[in-house]
Amino acid sequence: MGNPIITIQNMSFGYGKDNVLTNVNLTVEEQEYVGIIGANGAGKSTLMKLILGQLTPVQGEVTVATDSIGYVPQVGFQAVHNFPANVEEVVLTGLYREIGMFHLPKKRHRHMVADALELVGMQEYRSRMLSELSGGQQQRVMIARALIGQPKLLVLDEPLTGIDREAGDKLYRLLAKLNLEYGMTLVMVTHNMEQVARYTNRFYHVSNGSVHLDPSSILCDEVLNDKMRISKPKRYGTRHTSGKTNYTATPVEVPEKEAPYDASYKGTRSSRTQPAETVSGEPQTNSHHESKEEDAPC
């Protein structure tokens, strides 16, 4: 198993006298892809704000083992309908701490923007106004903004709000690419469990002030032991920087449509090809991460 990047122990939080979350315990390890599900108003966004350090628990601890965090908030078309900035300018705001207030971006900053946009397949739109883009394209831009600082942890709060299913499928495959190829840890609030299940390690369900492992994510020991981690993730965003690893970003590829989600699925997706194993006398082979495999019965 990997090293924990998020550890929450006996954590409670509330506004005033009303508790929103009570005695929460969960762990997210490096290079995992974890989904957070639950009804509206259950406390999912509050949990994300606690992980991001925007809120402080009234009891217990929230420990995040990195300062390198990217955040993708909810974005609706109406929110940016008249936003007076183009794609490049929006992505540059992800570097405001490095660039500084009232300072102009340098050439290397613009190269970083180009790398991030190329990674999400939006390089050709860099001069377009954000309000001219579709909902799916807007979210790709927001993901590029979060990626420009090369985070180890990416937190997403319902990134597909107001986006159609086809655009959503493309975004989910982009996120899977970041997790599988670049070793990025992802924590995402979502209502689209059936779309994202094939890519995630597990789901946590927020309900009635508690956070528990969703029944669809309960794994047997054999599956947990089979989970693999990336030993040497790819690097992105360094092709223009001298003295660092040279890597040319590759635009996200959109593979063929995948099989419908199987509600009986109870395992974790295999993130890399690994040798065949024998379970209960039957040879088992692992598929590429784009197709889901059936795990051994618990």
Protein backbone atom coordinates (compact mmCIF):
# COMPACT_ATOMS: atom_id res chain seq x y z
CA MET A 1 0.00 0.00 0.00
CA GLY A 2 1.07 3.59 -0.58
CA ASN A 3 1.69 6.47 1.79
CA PRO A 4 -1.31 8.42 3.12
CA ILE A 5 -1.66 11.87 1.55
CA ILE A 6 -4.92 12.68 3.39
CA THR A 7 -5.65 11.43 6.90
CA ILE A 8 -8.81 12.42 8.80
CA GLN A 9 -9.14 11.20 12.39
CA ASN A 10 -12.18 11.58 14.64
CA MET A 11 -13.02 14.87 12.93
CA SER A 12 -16.18 16.85 13.57
CA PHE A 13 -17.28 20.18 12.14
CA GLY A 14 -20.33 22.38 12.45
CA TYR A 15 -21.66 25.86 11.89
CA GLY A 16 -22.62 27.24 15.27
CA LYS A 17 -24.33 24.58 17.37
CA ASP A 18 -25.30 22.40 14.40
CA ASN A 19 -22.85 19.68 13.44
CA VAL A 20 -22.48 19.06 9.71
CA LEU A 21 -19.95 16.23 10.03
CA THR A 22 -19.42 14.04 13.10
CA ASN A 23 -16.54 11.69 13.99
CA VAL A 24 -15.23 11.33 10.45
CA ASN A 25 -12.35 8.94 9.75
CA LEU A 26 -10.90 8.31 6.31
CA THR A 27 -7.57 7.90 4.54
CA VAL A 28 -6.56 8.62 0.95
CA GLU A 29 -3.23 7.25 -0.21
CA GLU A 30 -0.85 8.68 -2.80
CA GLN A 31 -1.87 8.01 -6.42
CA GLU A 32 -5.41 6.95 -5.50
CA TYR A 33 -8.56 8.20 -7.20
CA VAL A 34 -11.32 8.54 -4.62
CA GLY A 35 -14.92 9.60 -5.20
CA ILE A 36 -17.11 11.40 -2.64
CA ILE A 37 -20.85 10.86 -3.07
CA GLY A 38 -23.97 11.86 -1.18
CA ALA A 39 -27.16 13.90 -1.39
CA ASN A 40 -27.18 17.67 -1.83
CA GLY A 41 -26.58 19.39 1.49
CA ALA A 42 -25.05 16.30 3.08
CA GLY A 43 -21.69 18.03 3.70
CA LYS A 44 -19.59 16.97 0.71
CA SER A 45 -18.40 20.50 -0.14
CA THR A 46 -17.75 21.14 3.56
CA LEU A 47 -15.54 18.05 3.63
CA MET A 48 -13.59 19.37 0.62
CA LYS A 49 -13.09 22.76 2.31
CA LEU A 50 -11.74 21.00 5.40
CA ILE A 51 -9.27 19.05 3.24
CA LEU A 52 -8.22 22.26 1.50
CA GLY A 53 -7.69 24.01 4.85
CA GLN A 54 -10.41 26.58 4.19
CA LEU A 55 -12.24 25.41 7.31
CA THR A 56 -10.93 24.22 10.69
CA PRO A 57 -12.49 21.22 12.45
CA VAL A 58 -13.99 21.76 15.88
CA GLN A 59 -12.72 18.34 16.92
CA GLY A 60 -10.19 15.84 15.61
CA GLU A 61 -7.58 16.26 12.91
CA VAL A 62 -7.33 16.71 9.15
CA THR A 63 -3.78 16.06 7.91
CA VAL A 64 -2.74 16.64 4.31
CA ALA A 65 0.82 15.51 3.62
CA THR A 66 1.52 17.98 0.81
CA ASP A 67 1.26 21.69 0.08
CA SER A 68 1.03 20.95 -3.64
CA ILE A 69 -2.74 20.99 -4.13
CA GLY A 70 -4.86 21.88 -7.15
CA TYR A 71 -8.55 22.73 -6.80
CA VAL A 72 -11.31 22.62 -9.42
CA PRO A 73 -14.57 24.19 -8.17
CA GLN A 74 -18.05 23.88 -9.60
CA VAL A 75 -18.47 25.99 -12.71
CA GLY A 76 -21.75 26.76 -14.42
CA PHE A 77 -22.11 28.56 -17.76
CA GLN A 78 -24.09 31.40 -16.20
CA ALA A 79 -21.26 32.06 -13.74
CA VAL A 80 -18.84 32.94 -16.56
CA HIS A 81 -21.30 34.20 -19.17
CA ASN A 82 -19.73 37.66 -19.28
CA PHE A 83 -16.35 36.92 -17.66
CA PRO A 84 -13.89 39.39 -19.30
CA ALA A 85 -10.87 37.11 -19.76
CA ASN A 86 -9.56 34.72 -22.37
CA VAL A 87 -8.44 31.14 -21.75
CA GLU A 88 -4.74 31.99 -21.32
CA GLU A 89 -5.52 34.72 -18.79
CA VAL A 90 -7.75 32.41 -16.76
CA VAL A 91 -5.09 29.70 -16.57
CA LEU A 92 -2.46 32.28 -15.60
CA THR A 93 -4.47 33.10 -12.47
CA GLY A 94 -3.32 29.70 -11.18
CA LEU A 95 0.15 31.28 -10.86
CA TYR A 96 -0.87 34.49 -9.12
CA ARG A 97 1.19 33.69 -6.03
CA GLU A 98 4.30 33.12 -8.11
CA ILE A 99 3.77 36.06 -10.46
CA GLY A 100 2.70 38.47 -7.73
CA MET A 101 0.13 41.22 -7.54
CA PHE A 102 0.34 43.89 -10.28
CA HIS A 103 3.18 42.06 -12.06
CA LEU A 104 3.13 40.89 -15.65
CA PRO A 105 3.70 37.21 -16.42
CA LYS A 106 7.09 36.24 -17.82
CA LYS A 107 7.80 34.14 -20.89
CA ARG A 108 8.23 30.97 -18.84
CA HIS A 109 4.82 31.53 -17.23
CA ARG A 110 3.21 31.60 -20.67
CA HIS A 111 5.07 28.43 -21.58
CA MET A 112 3.64 26.80 -18.45
CA VAL A 113 0.16 27.83 -19.60
CA ALA A 114 0.82 26.31 -23.03
CA ASP A 115 1.89 23.01 -21.45
CA ALA A 116 -1.16 22.83 -19.19
CA LEU A 117 -3.56 23.65 -22.04
CA GLU A 118 -1.90 21.12 -24.32
CA LEU A 119 -2.27 18.44 -21.65
CA VAL A 120 -6.05 18.99 -21.47
CA GLY A 121 -6.44 19.40 -25.23
CA MET A 122 -7.29 23.13 -25.17
CA GLN A 123 -4.13 24.71 -26.65
CA GLU A 124 -5.90 25.93 -29.79
CA TYR A 125 -8.41 27.87 -27.67
CA ARG A 126 -5.86 29.88 -25.67
CA SER A 127 -7.00 33.23 -27.16
CA ARG A 128 -10.74 32.52 -26.95
CA MET A 129 -12.89 34.21 -24.33
CA LEU A 130 -13.99 31.83 -21.59
CA SER A 131 -17.63 32.77 -22.16
CA GLU A 132 -17.39 31.55 -25.78
CA LEU A 133 -16.63 27.97 -24.72
CA SER A 134 -18.97 25.07 -24.02
CA GLY A 135 -19.40 23.80 -20.47
CA GLY A 136 -17.03 20.88 -21.06
CA GLN A 137 -14.39 23.17 -22.55
CA GLN A 138 -14.71 25.58 -19.63
CA GLN A 139 -14.04 22.76 -17.20
CA ARG A 140 -10.97 21.68 -19.17
CA VAL A 141 -9.69 25.24 -18.77
CA MET A 142 -10.36 25.14 -15.02
CA ILE A 143 -8.52 21.82 -14.78
CA ALA A 144 -5.58 23.35 -16.70
CA ARG A 145 -5.61 26.24 -14.21
CA ALA A 146 -5.39 23.73 -11.34
CA LEU A 147 -2.62 21.76 -13.09
CA ILE A 148 -0.33 24.69 -13.90
CA GLY A 149 1.30 24.45 -10.47
CA GLN A 150 1.96 20.70 -10.99
CA PRO A 151 0.03 19.54 -7.91
CA LYS A 152 0.43 16.16 -6.25
CA LEU A 153 -3.19 16.27 -5.06
CA LEU A 154 -6.14 17.42 -7.20
CA VAL A 155 -9.44 18.15 -5.43
CA LEU A 156 -12.56 18.51 -7.58
CA ASP A 157 -15.98 19.64 -6.32
CA GLU A 158 -18.66 18.37 -8.72
CA PRO A 159 -16.71 19.36 -11.84
CA LEU A 160 -19.43 18.11 -14.21
CA THR A 161 -22.27 20.31 -12.97
CA GLY A 162 -24.29 21.41 -16.00
CA ILE A 163 -22.22 19.36 -18.48
CA ASP A 164 -23.76 16.79 -20.85
CA ARG A 165 -22.89 13.12 -20.62
CA GLU A 166 -20.63 12.98 -23.69
CA ALA A 167 -18.51 15.91 -22.49
CA GLY A 168 -18.52 14.34 -19.04
CA ASP A 169 -17.14 11.07 -20.38
CA LYS A 170 -14.25 12.94 -22.01
CA LEU A 171 -13.49 14.80 -18.78
CA TYR A 172 -13.52 11.59 -16.77
CA ARG A 173 -11.06 10.01 -19.17
CA LEU A 174 -8.83 13.09 -18.86
CA LEU A 175 -8.87 12.77 -15.06
CA ALA A 176 -8.11 9.04 -15.33
CA LYS A 177 -5.10 9.93 -17.51
CA LEU A 178 -3.80 12.31 -14.83
CA ASN A 179 -4.17 9.60 -12.21
CA LEU A 180 -2.86 6.63 -14.18
CA GLU A 181 -0.08 8.20 -16.23
CA TYR A 182 1.10 11.04 -14.01
CA GLY A 183 0.52 9.48 -10.58
CA MET A 184 -1.68 12.35 -9.40
CA THR A 185 -3.94 11.73 -6.39
CA LEU A 186 -7.55 12.71 -7.12
CA VAL A 187 -10.40 13.35 -4.70
CA MET A 188 -13.65 14.23 -6.45
CA VAL A 189 -17.16 15.04 -5.31
CA THR A 190 -19.57 13.61 -7.86
CA HIS A 191 -23.20 12.64 -8.45
CA ASN A 192 -22.22 10.52 -11.46
CA MET A 193 -21.11 7.36 -9.73
CA GLU A 194 -22.09 5.14 -12.66
CA GLN A 195 -19.83 7.10 -15.05
CA VAL A 196 -16.74 7.37 -12.87
CA ALA A 197 -16.82 4.00 -11.07
CA ARG A 198 -14.55 2.28 -13.60
CA TYR A 199 -11.78 4.78 -12.89
CA THR A 200 -11.85 5.14 -9.10
CA ASN A 201 -10.33 3.09 -6.30
CA ARG A 202 -13.36 3.53 -4.06
CA PHE A 203 -16.17 5.86 -2.94
CA TYR A 204 -16.91 7.47 0.40
CA HIS A 205 -20.58 8.22 1.10
CA VAL A 206 -21.49 11.36 3.08
CA SER A 207 -24.84 10.94 4.82
CA ASN A 208 -26.49 12.22 8.01
CA GLY A 209 -23.27 13.81 9.24
CA SER A 210 -21.17 10.68 8.82
CA VAL A 211 -18.69 9.57 6.15
CA HIS A 212 -18.42 5.86 5.44
CA LEU A 213 -17.00 3.61 2.76
CA ASP A 214 -19.70 2.98 0.16
CA PRO A 215 -20.77 -0.71 -0.03
CA SER A 216 -19.75 -0.85 -3.70
CA SER A 217 -16.17 -0.12 -2.63
CA ILE A 218 -15.69 -2.83 0.00
CA LEU A 219 -12.76 -4.87 -1.23
CA CYS A 220 -11.45 -8.27 -0.22
CA ASP A 221 -7.83 -8.69 0.89
CA GLU A 222 -6.81 -10.35 -2.37
CA VAL A 223 -7.88 -7.33 -4.41
CA LEU A 224 -6.26 -4.88 -2.01
CA ASN A 225 -2.99 -6.79 -2.24
CA ASP A 226 -3.17 -6.71 -6.03
CA LYS A 227 -3.44 -2.90 -6.19
CA MET A 228 -0.45 -1.31 -7.91
CA ARG A 229 1.11 2.13 -7.75
CA ILE A 230 3.10 4.07 -10.31
CA SER A 231 6.80 3.82 -9.52
CA LYS A 232 7.92 6.62 -11.84
CA PRO A 233 5.04 8.87 -12.94
CA LYS A 234 5.45 11.00 -16.03
CA ARG A 235 6.21 14.69 -15.63
CA TYR A 236 4.43 17.41 -17.49
CA GLY A 237 4.95 21.12 -17.99
CA THR A 238 8.78 21.04 -18.12
CA ARG A 239 9.55 21.05 -21.83
CA HIS A 240 10.32 24.80 -21.86
CA THR A 241 12.32 24.89 -18.63
CA SER A 242 16.07 24.44 -18.84
CA GLY A 243 17.81 22.18 -16.34
CA LYS A 244 14.74 20.01 -15.78
CA THR A 245 13.41 16.81 -17.24
CA ASN A 246 12.40 17.34 -20.86
CA TYR A 247 8.87 16.18 -21.56
CA THR A 248 6.48 17.14 -24.32
CA ALA A 249 2.92 17.13 -23.11
CA THR A 250 0.56 14.85 -25.00
CA PRO A 251 -3.04 15.97 -25.61
CA VAL A 252 -5.61 13.70 -24.02
CA GLU A 253 -6.78 10.93 -26.33
CA VAL A 254 -10.45 10.02 -26.44
CA PRO A 255 -10.72 6.22 -26.67
CA GLU A 256 -13.71 4.34 -27.97
CA LYS A 257 -16.87 4.21 -25.89
CA GLU A 258 -16.55 1.89 -22.93
CA ALA A 259 -18.95 -0.79 -21.77
CA PRO A 260 -21.85 0.36 -19.55
CA TYR A 261 -21.23 0.42 -15.83
CA ASP A 262 -21.89 -2.92 -14.13
CA ALA A 263 -23.77 -2.28 -10.88
CA SER A 264 -22.46 -5.57 -9.46
CA TYR A 265 -18.88 -4.32 -9.60
CA LYS A 266 -17.29 -4.50 -6.16
CA GLY A 267 -13.59 -4.07 -6.81
CA THR A 268 -10.93 -1.56 -7.72
CA ARG A 269 -9.93 -0.83 -11.25
CA SER A 270 -6.53 -2.17 -12.29
CA SER A 271 -4.34 0.81 -13.00
CA ARG A 272 -1.50 -0.95 -14.78
CA THR A 273 -0.87 -4.18 -16.64
CA GLN A 274 0.40 -6.86 -14.29
CA PRO A 275 1.24 -10.59 -14.61
CA ALA A 276 -1.57 -13.11 -14.72
CA GLU A 277 -2.58 -14.66 -11.42
CA THR A 278 -4.47 -17.74 -10.40
CA VAL A 279 -7.52 -17.29 -8.18
CA SER A 280 -9.49 -20.38 -7.16
CA GLY A 281 -7.58 -22.41 -9.76
CA GLU A 282 -8.63 -20.16 -12.67
CA PRO A 283 -6.06 -18.01 -14.54
CA GLN A 284 -6.94 -14.34 -14.28
CA THR A 285 -5.62 -11.68 -16.63
CA ASN A 286 -5.70 -7.95 -16.09
CA SER A 287 -7.05 -5.60 -18.74
CA HIS A 288 -5.79 -2.16 -19.74
CA HIS A 289 -7.09 0.56 -17.46
CA GLU A 290 -9.63 1.69 -20.08
CA SER A 291 -11.73 -1.43 -19.55
CA LYS A 292 -12.97 -2.73 -16.25
CA GLU A 293 -12.17 -6.21 -14.99
CA GLU A 294 -13.99 -8.50 -12.58
CA ASP A 295 -12.19 -9.10 -9.30
CA ALA A 296 -11.92 -12.30 -7.35
CA PRO A 297 -14.92 -12.93 -5.07
CA CYS A 298 -14.38 -11.84 -1.52
